[in-house]
Structures are given as structure tokens and as C-alpha cells.
Amino acid sequence: MTTTNNTEPAIEANNKAENNTSLRKEKKTRTPSSLGRAILHCIPMYLIVITLLVIALPKEVFYVMNGKNPSEYTPVSTEGPHNVLHSTKNPTSNSAQLQDSSILTVARLTLDSSKEKYDSIKDTYDKLFSVIAAIGALIAFLGFKGVDSFLTARNNAEETLLRAQEALETAEKALSQFKDFVENTYPKDNRAEINVMTGIVLRHIADSYRNVVSLCNPAHNLNSDENLKSYLECALYYLNAVDLQDGIDAKILTRTASTKGNIYKRLDRIDRAHELLKDFTIKHPNVNDDGIYFNLACYSCLLAKIASNNSQHHEAEKYIQQSLHYLRKSIAINDQNKAAAASDEDFEFMRSQNNQAYLAIIS
């Protein structure tokens, strides 16, 4: 126990030492890059500040720094009062010369004074303009980044606001659709689905009744059986109730049409079943259901058989071509329909005619 307690602090100390060493290495590796970025960022600002200092210093400082005498660059008048009297001889001429030289001296002094004032004012304005320009450059350097950041932030905020508004509109639309689904669509589809299932159940009851009667009394004429007919017509009643409603789901409508076609076939109204499904494909072109096309192929083949029995060979050929067309579309959607078409009794007429196109499709 004591050994483990003594070794744990040592392990912790080693871990801390390794962490400190790794931190030092990270600092060494990170310092040059951060220092370089800082230098590159501050160099323009330092240059502008140095420029301001250089502009603000008087010219004499630069003369002294260059090892020159400032008096050499100071304009001095070559004419002064000590140069006025050249000779005391000839007082008359001297007085005239003295008067002329005094006028010239005053004029020269006035010109020199005006020139010095002009030069001084010009230097002052030059310095002021340079200082203003340098300050403007400094403000621009320090301000452009802030302005750019502000504009970028404002654009990002506007884009975020637009996205938020779009998300809010989408959410409100979704909420409205959900409320409509809960209050209207779901109850409507639910009732329609119940009606369809009731029609399907009644169809199965009719089929069961047909099978039982056929086994018990093979000689019974089922085409005139009122019980069988009542089951099928009751199924149509529930299925027709679905068509009376608007906004029903496409899958429910597809199942309704397919079931109604089956019932019309059982009522020996094959032409009505064929017409019903054909109209459905025209009204709902986006519904690509293999069962609808397979049933259409069956009904077309049955109509071809009826037309052939009535010696309407041209009409029979027309229905055969329709049957082949719908059968191809059904198999293209669901390949399993190929095997179903090979054994379905509704295609017995084309098999008996040895129709090569039909045999090629199912092969």
C-alpha cells in the first residue's frame, strides 16, 4: 500500500513535467507565426506615425543631424545700414546717394520680409497638409478594417435574418399543413380507406360465396344469382363513396379503381371495367401502378376474345394490341408480372391464338 502511494505522486510529477515540456514546444512553434502576424499588422501603422513625427520636426533639426550649419540656409540680406555710407567726400553727392540707398534698402528689406513671411506661411501650410494627409492615412488604416468588419457583420446579420424568416415561414406552412392533415386530410383518408377495405372484404365474400355455391351446386347459374349480385353491388356502393370526396391520397384512389375493376369483371361488365381503368390512367398520369396496367391488359384480352367470337376481327386485333401495350408497361414496372401473365387465365385467348408477341413478352 505504501509503495503505491509513493509512486502515484511521482507519476503525476512526471506527467506534469511532460505537459510543461509539450506546452513550451507548442509556444516555441506558435510564437514565430503570431509574432510575424503582429509585425506585419503593425508595420504600416508605425510607418505612418514616424511620418507624422518627421513632418512635425523643424527643418533645423535635419540640418544639425546632417552636420550642416543652419545659418547657411537662412537667407540674409546683403544690403544693410552699414553699407550705406561709402565715402564722406562730396557731401552733395553723398546726400543724394544716401537718400537713394535708403529707399533701396527699405524696399529690399520689405521684399525680404514679405518673402520670409510667404516662405514661412507656405512651410506651415505644407506641414499642415502633410499632417492632415498622414492622419487621414492612419485613420484609413485603422478604420477600413473596422468598417469592413462592420459591413461583413451587417451582411451576415441580414442573411441570418432572411434565413430565419424563411425558416419561420416554412415552419408556419408545415404547421398549417399538419393542422389541415390532422383536422381534414387524415379523417378523410381514414374514411376513404375504410370504404375501400369494406369493398375489398365484400368482394372476398362474393368470391367465397361463388366457390361454395359452385361446389355445392355445380349446375347453379351464378350469373343470375341475386345474393352474389347484392354482395358485389354493395361493394361498389362503398367504393363509389371514395370517388365522391376530393383530395384523397393517390394510393387510395389507385386501390379503389383497381378493386372496382375487379368487381365489374365479376358482374360480367368487362367493357365497364376496361373503360374505368383507362379513364383513371388519363386522369392520373403520374400514378404509375403496375396493377392498374396488368388489369387493363387482362380486360383488353377478354374484350378481344368477345370481339373475335362476334366475328369482329378488326376490333379484336385492336384490343390485342392494347393488351400487349399494357402488359409491357406492367412488366417494365414490376418484372414479376411476367410470370403472372404466363399463367393468368385472362390471357388464355392469346395463348390459344399462339400470339408471338405475347409469347415473346412472357419468355
Protein backbone atom coordinates (compact mmCIF):
# COMPACT_ATOMS: atom_id res chain seq x y z
CA MET A 1 0.00 0.00 0.00
CA THR A 2 2.78 2.46 0.87
CA THR A 3 4.63 1.70 -2.34
CA THR A 4 1.66 2.56 -4.49
CA ASN A 5 1.02 5.77 -2.55
CA ASN A 6 4.62 6.91 -3.07
CA THR A 7 4.68 6.09 -6.75
CA GLU A 8 1.44 7.92 -7.62
CA PRO A 9 2.86 11.43 -6.83
CA ALA A 10 5.95 10.58 -8.83
CA ILE A 11 3.83 9.58 -11.81
CA GLU A 12 1.80 12.78 -11.51
CA ALA A 13 5.01 14.84 -11.34
CA ASN A 14 6.33 13.14 -14.47
CA ASN A 15 3.05 13.80 -16.28
CA LYS A 16 3.15 17.48 -15.29
CA ALA A 17 6.75 17.76 -16.47
CA GLU A 18 5.83 16.19 -19.82
CA ASN A 19 2.85 18.53 -20.16
CA ASN A 20 5.03 21.57 -19.39
CA THR A 21 7.59 20.42 -21.93
CA SER A 22 4.92 19.97 -24.61
CA LEU A 23 3.46 23.41 -23.78
CA ARG A 24 6.90 25.00 -24.15
CA LYS A 25 7.33 23.30 -27.52
CA GLU A 26 3.92 24.50 -28.63
CA LYS A 27 4.74 28.05 -27.52
CA LYS A 28 8.03 27.93 -29.40
CA THR A 29 6.30 26.72 -32.52
CA ARG A 30 3.45 29.19 -32.25
CA THR A 31 5.44 32.31 -31.27
CA PRO A 32 7.11 32.99 -34.65
CA SER A 33 3.86 32.81 -36.56
CA SER A 34 1.97 35.02 -34.12
CA LEU A 35 4.92 37.45 -33.89
CA GLY A 36 5.14 37.63 -37.66
CA ARG A 37 1.46 38.39 -37.96
CA ALA A 38 1.76 41.12 -35.33
CA ILE A 39 4.74 42.71 -37.09
CA LEU A 40 3.06 42.62 -40.48
CA HIS A 41 -0.06 44.15 -38.98
CA CYS A 42 1.76 46.96 -37.11
CA ILE A 43 4.40 47.97 -39.70
CA PRO A 44 2.04 50.24 -41.70
CA MET A 45 0.87 51.96 -38.53
CA TYR A 46 4.46 52.55 -37.35
CA LEU A 47 5.41 53.98 -40.75
CA ILE A 48 2.52 56.43 -40.61
CA VAL A 49 3.40 57.52 -37.05
CA ILE A 50 7.07 58.03 -38.00
CA THR A 51 5.95 60.08 -40.99
CA LEU A 52 3.91 62.30 -38.69
CA LEU A 53 6.93 62.83 -36.42
CA VAL A 54 9.18 63.65 -39.35
CA ILE A 55 6.71 66.19 -40.68
CA ALA A 56 6.29 67.81 -37.27
CA LEU A 57 10.05 68.35 -36.68
CA PRO A 58 11.55 71.73 -37.80
CA LYS A 59 14.00 71.87 -40.68
CA GLU A 60 16.88 72.99 -38.44
CA VAL A 61 16.89 69.58 -36.72
CA PHE A 62 17.60 67.86 -40.04
CA TYR A 63 20.37 70.36 -40.79
CA VAL A 64 22.03 69.57 -37.46
CA MET A 65 21.56 65.81 -37.99
CA ASN A 66 23.27 66.15 -41.38
CA GLY A 67 26.22 68.09 -39.81
CA LYS A 68 25.43 71.40 -41.56
CA ASN A 69 25.15 74.95 -40.23
CA PRO A 70 21.52 76.17 -40.21
CA SER A 71 22.73 79.73 -40.87
CA GLU A 72 23.93 78.66 -44.29
CA TYR A 73 20.28 78.03 -45.26
CA THR A 74 18.94 81.23 -43.65
CA PRO A 75 18.53 84.00 -46.19
CA VAL A 76 20.44 87.13 -45.12
CA SER A 77 20.09 90.49 -46.75
CA THR A 78 23.25 91.63 -48.49
CA GLU A 79 22.29 95.24 -48.08
CA GLY A 80 22.10 96.91 -44.69
CA PRO A 81 22.60 100.21 -42.96
CA HIS A 82 26.35 99.59 -42.54
CA ASN A 83 26.80 99.54 -46.31
CA VAL A 84 25.06 102.81 -46.99
CA LEU A 85 27.96 105.19 -46.37
CA HIS A 86 30.76 104.57 -48.82
CA SER A 87 32.53 107.95 -48.61
CA THR A 88 32.31 111.22 -46.79
CA LYS A 89 33.64 113.14 -49.69
CA ASN A 90 31.41 115.39 -51.74
CA PRO A 91 28.51 115.93 -49.29
CA THR A 92 26.07 116.86 -52.01
CA SER A 93 26.51 113.67 -53.96
CA ASN A 94 26.77 111.68 -50.77
CA SER A 95 23.45 113.01 -49.50
CA ALA A 96 21.77 112.13 -52.78
CA GLN A 97 23.32 108.69 -52.78
CA LEU A 98 22.34 108.26 -49.15
CA GLN A 99 18.74 109.11 -49.92
CA ASP A 100 18.66 106.71 -52.89
CA SER A 101 20.31 103.91 -50.97
CA SER A 102 17.89 104.37 -48.07
CA ILE A 103 14.93 103.93 -50.40
CA LEU A 104 16.51 100.85 -51.95
CA THR A 105 17.32 99.44 -48.55
CA VAL A 106 13.78 99.91 -47.29
CA ALA A 107 12.40 98.30 -50.45
CA ARG A 108 14.79 95.38 -50.18
CA LEU A 109 14.01 94.90 -46.50
CA THR A 110 10.30 94.98 -47.28
CA LEU A 111 10.71 92.42 -50.07
CA ASP A 112 12.89 90.18 -47.91
CA SER A 113 10.40 90.39 -45.05
CA SER A 114 7.48 89.60 -47.35
CA LYS A 115 9.38 86.70 -48.90
CA GLU A 116 10.27 85.30 -45.49
CA LYS A 117 6.64 85.59 -44.38
CA TYR A 118 5.49 83.91 -47.59
CA ASP A 119 8.01 81.10 -47.16
CA SER A 120 7.02 80.68 -43.52
CA ILE A 121 3.32 80.57 -44.35
CA LYS A 122 3.99 78.14 -47.21
CA ASP A 123 6.04 75.84 -44.95
CA THR A 124 3.32 75.98 -42.32
CA TYR A 125 0.60 75.06 -44.80
CA ASP A 126 2.77 72.30 -46.30
CA LYS A 127 3.33 70.83 -42.87
CA LEU A 128 -0.35 71.14 -42.02
CA PHE A 129 -1.37 69.47 -45.26
CA SER A 130 1.18 66.68 -44.71
CA VAL A 131 0.00 66.15 -41.14
CA ILE A 132 -3.62 66.02 -42.29
CA ALA A 133 -2.71 63.55 -45.05
CA ALA A 134 -0.75 61.35 -42.63
CA ILE A 135 -3.53 61.46 -40.05
CA GLY A 136 -6.01 60.56 -42.79
CA ALA A 137 -3.84 57.63 -43.80
CA LEU A 138 -3.61 56.49 -40.18
CA ILE A 139 -7.37 56.79 -39.73
CA ALA A 140 -7.91 54.94 -43.00
CA PHE A 141 -5.54 52.17 -41.93
CA LEU A 142 -7.18 51.82 -38.55
CA GLY A 143 -10.72 52.41 -39.81
CA PHE A 144 -11.02 50.38 -43.01
CA LYS A 145 -10.68 47.12 -41.17
CA GLY A 146 -13.35 48.16 -38.70
CA VAL A 147 -15.66 49.36 -41.48
CA ASP A 148 -15.10 46.17 -43.42
CA SER A 149 -15.81 44.10 -40.30
CA PHE A 150 -18.93 46.14 -39.65
CA LEU A 151 -20.19 45.70 -43.21
CA THR A 152 -19.42 41.98 -43.11
CA ALA A 153 -21.20 41.61 -39.79
CA ARG A 154 -24.18 43.57 -41.10
CA ASN A 155 -24.39 41.39 -44.24
CA ASN A 156 -24.12 38.24 -42.15
CA ALA A 157 -26.84 39.53 -39.84
CA GLU A 158 -29.10 40.31 -42.81
CA GLU A 159 -28.51 36.86 -44.30
CA THR A 160 -29.19 35.24 -40.93
CA LEU A 161 -32.38 37.28 -40.61
CA LEU A 162 -33.52 36.19 -44.08
CA ARG A 163 -32.80 32.55 -43.29
CA ALA A 164 -34.65 32.89 -40.01
CA GLN A 165 -37.64 34.44 -41.79
CA GLU A 166 -37.62 31.65 -44.40
CA ALA A 167 -37.37 29.05 -41.64
CA LEU A 168 -40.25 30.72 -39.82
CA GLU A 169 -42.38 30.74 -42.98
CA THR A 170 -41.52 27.09 -43.63
CA ALA A 171 -42.38 26.18 -40.05
CA GLU A 172 -45.67 28.08 -40.22
CA LYS A 173 -46.51 26.39 -43.52
CA ALA A 174 -45.62 22.97 -42.11
CA LEU A 175 -47.71 23.67 -39.02
CA SER A 176 -50.64 24.73 -41.18
CA GLN A 177 -50.30 21.59 -43.31
CA PHE A 178 -50.06 19.45 -40.20
CA LYS A 179 -53.21 21.01 -38.74
CA ASP A 180 -55.00 20.50 -42.05
CA PHE A 181 -53.82 16.90 -42.14
CA VAL A 182 -55.00 16.22 -38.58
CA GLU A 183 -58.31 18.04 -38.94
CA ASN A 184 -59.23 17.24 -42.54
CA THR A 185 -56.92 15.01 -44.58
CA TYR A 186 -56.39 12.23 -42.05
CA PRO A 187 -60.09 11.77 -41.21
CA LYS A 188 -60.96 11.97 -44.90
CA ASP A 189 -58.29 9.45 -45.96
CA ASN A 190 -59.17 7.28 -42.99
CA ARG A 191 -62.83 7.15 -44.01
CA ALA A 192 -61.83 6.51 -47.64
CA GLU A 193 -59.50 3.70 -46.58
CA ILE A 194 -62.28 2.14 -44.53
CA ASN A 195 -64.63 2.32 -47.52
CA VAL A 196 -62.02 0.69 -49.77
CA MET A 197 -61.33 -2.09 -47.28
CA THR A 198 -65.07 -2.66 -46.89
CA GLY A 199 -65.39 -3.01 -50.67
CA ILE A 200 -62.47 -5.45 -50.75
CA VAL A 201 -63.98 -7.51 -47.94
CA LEU A 202 -67.33 -7.66 -49.74
CA ARG A 203 -65.53 -8.77 -52.90
CA HIS A 204 -63.88 -11.61 -50.97
CA ILE A 205 -67.28 -12.55 -49.51
CA ALA A 206 -68.71 -12.68 -53.03
CA ASP A 207 -65.81 -14.87 -54.20
CA SER A 208 -66.26 -17.20 -51.24
CA TYR A 209 -69.98 -17.41 -51.92
CA ARG A 210 -69.30 -18.22 -55.59
CA ASN A 211 -66.88 -21.01 -54.67
CA VAL A 212 -69.22 -22.55 -52.10
CA VAL A 213 -72.21 -22.50 -54.46
CA SER A 214 -70.12 -23.96 -57.30
CA LEU A 215 -69.04 -26.85 -55.10
CA CYS A 216 -72.46 -27.49 -53.62
CA ASN A 217 -74.50 -26.99 -56.79
CA PRO A 218 -72.39 -27.03 -59.97
CA ALA A 219 -75.46 -26.59 -62.15
CA HIS A 220 -76.47 -23.35 -60.46
CA ASN A 221 -76.34 -20.26 -62.74
CA LEU A 222 -74.22 -17.81 -60.82
CA ASN A 223 -74.71 -15.03 -63.36
CA SER A 224 -78.31 -14.70 -62.24
CA ASP A 225 -77.69 -15.27 -58.52
CA GLU A 226 -79.13 -12.32 -56.59
CA ASN A 227 -77.09 -12.91 -53.44
CA LEU A 228 -73.84 -12.79 -55.38
CA LYS A 229 -75.00 -9.69 -57.21
CA SER A 230 -76.02 -7.95 -53.96
CA TYR A 231 -72.58 -8.53 -52.41
CA LEU A 232 -70.85 -7.05 -55.45
CA GLU A 233 -73.18 -4.06 -55.74
CA CYS A 234 -72.79 -3.35 -52.03
CA ALA A 235 -69.00 -3.35 -52.55
CA LEU A 236 -69.43 -0.84 -55.39
CA TYR A 237 -71.51 1.36 -53.09
CA TYR A 238 -68.62 1.75 -50.62
CA LEU A 239 -66.06 2.19 -53.38
CA ASN A 240 -68.10 4.86 -55.15
CA ALA A 241 -68.24 6.80 -51.87
CA VAL A 242 -64.47 7.29 -52.16
CA ASP A 243 -64.81 8.95 -55.56
CA LEU A 244 -67.29 11.47 -54.16
CA GLN A 245 -64.60 13.03 -51.92
CA ASP A 246 -61.90 15.47 -53.02
CA GLY A 247 -58.25 15.45 -52.03
CA ILE A 248 -57.96 11.71 -51.43
CA ASP A 249 -54.48 10.19 -51.44
CA ALA A 250 -53.40 8.79 -54.83
CA LYS A 251 -52.64 5.34 -53.41
CA ILE A 252 -56.17 5.06 -52.04
CA LEU A 253 -57.61 6.14 -55.38
CA THR A 254 -55.47 3.57 -57.18
CA ARG A 255 -56.65 0.77 -54.93
CA THR A 256 -60.24 1.94 -55.32
CA ALA A 257 -60.06 1.90 -59.14
CA SER A 258 -58.37 -1.49 -59.21
CA THR A 259 -60.96 -3.03 -56.87
CA LYS A 260 -63.87 -1.53 -58.80
CA GLY A 261 -62.46 -3.02 -61.99
CA ASN A 262 -62.36 -6.45 -60.34
CA ILE A 263 -65.98 -6.14 -59.24
CA TYR A 264 -67.20 -5.03 -62.68
CA LYS A 265 -65.44 -8.04 -64.16
CA ARG A 266 -67.25 -10.32 -61.68
CA LEU A 267 -70.51 -8.67 -62.72
CA ASP A 268 -69.63 -9.61 -66.30
CA ARG A 269 -69.26 -5.94 -67.26
CA ILE A 270 -65.76 -6.18 -68.70
CA ASP A 271 -66.22 -3.20 -71.00
CA ARG A 272 -67.06 -1.02 -67.97
CA ALA A 273 -64.01 -2.30 -66.09
CA HIS A 274 -61.78 -1.55 -69.09
CA GLU A 275 -63.23 1.94 -69.52
CA LEU A 276 -62.88 2.72 -65.80
CA LEU A 277 -59.17 1.90 -65.60
CA LYS A 278 -58.37 3.56 -68.92
CA ASP A 279 -60.00 6.80 -67.72
CA PHE A 280 -58.08 6.51 -64.46
CA THR A 281 -54.71 6.42 -66.27
CA ILE A 282 -55.72 9.53 -68.24
CA LYS A 283 -56.88 11.49 -65.17
CA HIS A 284 -53.87 10.43 -63.08
CA PRO A 285 -50.87 10.27 -65.44
CA ASN A 286 -48.40 10.48 -62.55
CA VAL A 287 -49.76 7.32 -60.95
CA ASN A 288 -47.51 4.57 -62.32
CA ASP A 289 -49.07 1.43 -60.83
CA ASP A 290 -48.24 -1.97 -62.31
CA GLY A 291 -51.52 -3.48 -61.05
CA ILE A 292 -53.62 -0.99 -63.00
CA TYR A 293 -51.74 -1.76 -66.24
CA PHE A 294 -51.85 -5.52 -65.63
CA ASN A 295 -55.63 -5.44 -65.11
CA LEU A 296 -56.02 -3.30 -68.24
CA ALA A 297 -54.07 -5.92 -70.19
CA CYS A 298 -56.38 -8.65 -68.84
CA TYR A 299 -59.57 -6.76 -69.67
CA SER A 300 -58.29 -5.88 -73.16
CA CYS A 301 -57.57 -9.55 -73.87
CA LEU A 302 -61.06 -10.55 -72.65
CA LEU A 303 -62.64 -7.89 -74.88
CA ALA A 304 -60.57 -9.20 -77.81
CA LYS A 305 -61.98 -12.68 -77.19
CA ILE A 306 -65.55 -11.32 -77.11
CA ALA A 307 -65.00 -9.36 -80.35
CA SER A 308 -63.47 -12.42 -82.03
CA ASN A 309 -66.44 -14.57 -81.02
CA ASN A 310 -68.70 -11.95 -82.60
CA SER A 311 -66.60 -12.05 -85.79
CA GLN A 312 -65.34 -8.51 -85.16
CA HIS A 313 -61.77 -9.37 -86.09
CA HIS A 314 -60.62 -5.79 -86.61
CA GLU A 315 -61.94 -4.86 -83.15
CA ALA A 316 -60.33 -7.97 -81.68
CA GLU A 317 -56.94 -7.05 -83.14
CA LYS A 318 -57.25 -3.55 -81.67
CA TYR A 319 -57.84 -4.95 -78.18
CA ILE A 320 -54.98 -7.44 -78.58
CA GLN A 321 -52.56 -4.60 -79.34
CA GLN A 322 -53.86 -2.70 -76.31
CA SER A 323 -53.39 -5.77 -74.14
CA LEU A 324 -49.79 -6.20 -75.31
CA HIS A 325 -49.09 -2.49 -74.71
CA TYR A 326 -50.42 -2.51 -71.14
CA LEU A 327 -48.71 -5.82 -70.38
CA ARG A 328 -45.33 -4.42 -71.44
CA LYS A 329 -45.82 -1.35 -69.21
CA SER A 330 -46.80 -3.54 -66.26
CA ILE A 331 -43.75 -5.78 -66.63
CA ALA A 332 -41.49 -2.74 -67.04
CA ILE A 333 -42.63 -1.54 -63.60
CA ASN A 334 -42.64 -4.96 -61.93
CA ASP A 335 -40.82 -7.86 -63.58
CA GLN A 336 -42.78 -10.39 -61.50
CA ASN A 337 -45.83 -9.71 -63.66
CA LYS A 338 -44.15 -11.66 -66.46
CA ALA A 339 -44.64 -14.94 -64.60
CA ALA A 340 -48.18 -13.94 -63.61
CA ALA A 341 -49.10 -13.21 -67.24
CA ALA A 342 -47.80 -16.62 -68.33
CA SER A 343 -50.36 -18.44 -66.19
CA ASP A 344 -53.25 -15.98 -65.81
CA GLU A 345 -56.50 -17.35 -67.27
CA ASP A 346 -57.45 -13.93 -68.68
CA PHE A 347 -54.69 -14.29 -71.31
CA GLU A 348 -55.93 -17.70 -72.47
CA PHE A 349 -57.21 -16.22 -75.74
CA MET A 350 -53.75 -15.02 -76.84
CA ARG A 351 -52.21 -18.33 -75.76
CA SER A 352 -54.79 -20.22 -77.82
CA GLN A 353 -54.05 -17.97 -80.79
CA ASN A 354 -50.32 -18.63 -80.33
CA ASN A 355 -49.69 -14.88 -80.39
CA GLN A 356 -45.95 -14.48 -80.96
CA ALA A 357 -45.76 -11.01 -79.42
CA TYR A 358 -47.40 -12.30 -76.23
CA LEU A 359 -45.08 -15.33 -76.11
CA ALA A 360 -42.06 -13.06 -76.60
CA ILE A 361 -43.14 -10.86 -73.70
CA ILE A 362 -43.58 -13.69 -71.20
CA SER A 363 -40.50 -15.63 -72.29
